[in-house]
């Protein structure tokens, strides 16, 4: 069984994340989505909220594979989290050349630390190359429409979170 690990903050999950997840599922039998949790940062959504949104999106977008996707949190090195999940593949999304430069450096470092884990890159689809979770949060907090950038489930969660404020 080939297990892939797809790490990120997913705060919130964007259409770009969904596209990388779709490509990841084509590569593996089981996909573990790792949500990086950093005690020093204050995310828009808790780990539980993000994990729930990911599960909901997977169930909606990829119902036939929803049993093959799990979500975990991690605070350590990505390769350590991937190894703990039993993964042999680490999936990283690429939007542009800037991402490629950074991700190539990380892939080299990760390969040195964990040679049994292979990094693969999933290119962004043209319609999601410009999307970042940071920009989605900024647009939402300023009252803008984030519908073009996130799944409907996530858009609803953002609206509910902002109405609490």
Protein backbone atom coordinates (compact mmCIF):
# COMPACT_ATOMS: atom_id res chain seq x y z
CA UNK A 1 0.00 0.00 0.00
CA UNK A 2 1.43 3.36 -1.01
CA UNK A 3 0.81 6.08 1.57
CA UNK A 4 1.34 9.74 0.72
CA UNK A 5 1.59 12.64 3.17
CA UNK A 6 0.28 16.05 2.15
CA UNK A 7 1.31 18.70 4.70
CA UNK A 8 0.12 22.28 5.05
CA UNK A 9 -1.66 24.73 7.29
CA UNK A 10 -4.99 24.54 5.41
CA UNK A 11 -6.13 27.72 7.14
CA UNK A 12 -8.46 27.71 5.31
CA UNK A 13 -8.51 24.95 2.71
CA UNK A 14 -8.53 26.55 -0.75
CA UNK A 15 -9.39 25.33 -4.25
CA UNK A 16 -5.65 25.04 -4.81
CA UNK A 17 -5.41 22.61 -1.89
CA UNK A 18 -8.27 20.61 -3.41
CA UNK A 19 -6.42 20.37 -6.73
CA UNK A 20 -3.25 19.13 -5.03
CA UNK A 21 -5.31 16.67 -3.02
CA UNK A 22 -6.89 15.38 -6.22
CA UNK A 23 -3.47 14.81 -7.77
CA UNK A 24 -2.24 13.18 -4.56
CA UNK A 25 -5.07 10.66 -4.61
CA UNK A 26 -3.99 9.60 -8.11
CA UNK A 27 -0.57 8.67 -6.71
CA UNK A 28 -1.43 6.67 -3.62
CA UNK A 29 -3.67 4.12 -2.00
CA UNK A 30 -3.97 6.17 1.18
CA UNK A 31 -3.48 9.88 1.76
CA UNK A 32 -2.66 11.43 5.11
CA UNK A 33 -3.27 15.17 5.23
CA UNK A 34 -0.99 16.70 7.86
CA UNK A 35 -2.07 19.97 9.39
CA UNK A 36 0.88 21.84 10.80
CA UNK A 37 0.00 23.27 14.20
CA UNK A 38 2.32 25.95 15.55
CA UNK A 39 1.72 27.07 19.14
CA UNK A 40 3.05 30.57 18.40
CA UNK A 41 0.55 31.27 15.62
CA UNK A 42 -3.12 32.12 15.93
CA UNK A 43 -4.95 30.54 13.00
CA UNK A 44 -8.39 31.55 11.75
CA UNK A 45 -9.59 27.98 12.38
CA UNK A 46 -8.67 25.43 15.04
CA UNK A 47 -7.12 22.12 14.06
CA UNK A 48 -10.50 20.44 14.62
CA UNK A 49 -12.26 22.95 12.36
CA UNK A 50 -9.68 22.54 9.61
CA UNK A 51 -9.75 18.74 9.89
CA UNK A 52 -13.55 18.81 9.67
CA UNK A 53 -13.51 21.03 6.60
CA UNK A 54 -10.98 18.76 4.89
CA UNK A 55 -13.10 15.69 5.66
CA UNK A 56 -16.24 17.46 4.40
CA UNK A 57 -14.53 18.59 1.18
CA UNK A 58 -13.09 15.12 0.53
CA UNK A 59 -16.51 13.56 1.16
CA UNK A 60 -18.12 16.02 -1.23
CA UNK A 61 -15.48 16.14 -3.99
CA UNK A 62 -14.06 12.59 -3.81
CA UNK A 63 -16.72 10.43 -2.13
CA UNK A 64 -15.32 7.21 -3.59
CA UNK A 65 -11.96 7.92 -1.89
CA UNK A 66 -13.12 9.47 1.38
CA UNK A 67 -12.21 6.32 3.30
CA UNK A 68 -8.66 6.57 1.96
CA UNK A 69 -7.99 10.03 3.44
CA UNK A 70 -7.16 10.78 7.05
CA UNK A 71 -6.14 14.00 8.79
CA UNK A 72 -3.49 14.34 11.48
CA UNK A 73 -1.83 17.25 13.23
CA UNK A 74 1.91 17.68 13.57
CA UNK A 75 4.31 20.07 15.25
CA UNK A 76 7.59 18.42 14.29
CA UNK A 77 9.52 18.19 11.04
CA UNK A 78 7.37 17.25 8.04
CA UNK A 79 9.53 14.22 7.25
CA UNK A 80 9.15 13.01 10.84
CA UNK A 81 5.37 13.39 10.61
CA UNK A 82 5.34 11.64 7.21
CA UNK A 83 7.41 8.75 8.58
CA UNK A 84 5.11 8.46 11.62
CA UNK A 85 2.17 8.20 9.20
CA UNK A 86 3.92 5.41 7.31
CA UNK A 87 4.24 7.51 4.17
CA UNK A 88 6.80 6.87 1.45
CA UNK A 89 5.71 9.90 -0.58
CA UNK A 90 5.62 13.56 0.45
CA UNK A 91 3.37 15.71 -1.75
CA UNK A 92 4.05 19.42 -2.21
CA UNK A 93 2.02 21.82 -4.33
CA UNK A 94 3.70 24.29 -6.67
CA UNK A 95 2.13 27.53 -7.86
CA UNK A 96 5.08 29.18 -9.57
CA UNK A 97 8.85 29.40 -9.90
CA UNK A 98 9.23 30.96 -6.47
CA UNK A 99 7.54 27.93 -4.93
CA UNK A 100 9.75 25.64 -7.00
CA UNK A 101 12.98 27.24 -5.76
CA UNK A 102 11.92 26.95 -2.12
CA UNK A 103 10.43 23.46 -2.48
CA UNK A 104 13.54 22.14 -4.25
CA UNK A 105 15.65 23.26 -1.28
CA UNK A 106 13.22 21.61 1.13
CA UNK A 107 13.12 18.41 -0.95
CA UNK A 108 16.91 18.20 -0.80
CA UNK A 109 16.99 18.72 2.94
CA UNK A 110 14.16 16.24 3.48
CA UNK A 111 15.88 13.65 1.28
CA UNK A 112 19.01 13.93 3.41
CA UNK A 113 17.04 13.54 6.64
CA UNK A 114 14.66 10.82 5.38
CA UNK A 115 15.96 9.08 2.24
CA UNK A 116 13.06 6.60 2.24
CA UNK A 117 10.54 9.39 1.62
CA UNK A 118 10.28 10.72 -1.93
CA UNK A 119 9.03 14.26 -2.53
CA UNK A 120 6.72 14.74 -5.50
CA UNK A 121 5.43 18.06 -6.77
CA UNK A 122 1.85 18.66 -7.84
CA UNK A 123 1.55 21.67 -10.13
CA UNK A 124 -1.29 24.11 -9.49
CA UNK A 125 -4.07 24.09 -12.00
CA UNK A 126 -4.13 27.34 -14.00
CA UNK A 127 -7.34 28.47 -12.30
CA UNK A 128 -5.82 28.16 -8.82
CA UNK A 129 -2.21 29.34 -9.31
CA UNK A 130 -2.89 32.70 -7.72
CA UNK A 131 -4.73 31.43 -4.64
CA UNK A 132 -3.13 31.48 -1.21
CA UNK A 133 -4.78 30.87 2.14
CA UNK A 134 -3.21 34.09 3.43
CA UNK A 135 -4.89 36.15 0.72
CA UNK A 136 -8.19 34.33 1.26
CA UNK A 137 -8.10 35.24 4.97
CA UNK A 138 -7.28 38.87 4.16
CA UNK A 139 -10.05 39.17 1.57
CA UNK A 140 -12.57 37.56 3.93
CA UNK A 141 -11.63 39.78 6.87
CA UNK A 142 -12.05 42.85 4.69
CA UNK A 143 -15.54 41.76 3.60
CA UNK A 144 -14.62 40.49 0.14
CA UNK A 145 -16.13 37.52 -1.66
CA UNK A 146 -13.95 34.42 -1.30
CA UNK A 147 -16.31 32.13 -3.26
CA UNK A 148 -14.00 31.91 -6.30
CA UNK A 149 -11.11 30.70 -4.13
CA UNK A 150 -12.52 28.10 -1.73
CA UNK A 151 -14.98 25.19 -1.76
CA UNK A 152 -18.54 26.14 -0.76
CA UNK A 153 -18.18 24.28 2.57
CA UNK A 154 -15.18 26.43 3.44
CA UNK A 155 -16.88 29.62 2.31
CA UNK A 156 -19.74 28.87 4.70
CA UNK A 157 -17.31 28.19 7.56
CA UNK A 158 -15.49 31.47 6.91
CA UNK A 159 -18.76 33.41 6.89
CA UNK A 160 -19.81 31.77 10.15
CA UNK A 161 -16.44 32.48 11.78
CA UNK A 162 -16.48 36.13 10.76
CA UNK A 163 -20.05 36.57 12.00
CA UNK A 164 -18.85 35.42 15.45
CA UNK A 165 -16.36 38.27 15.60
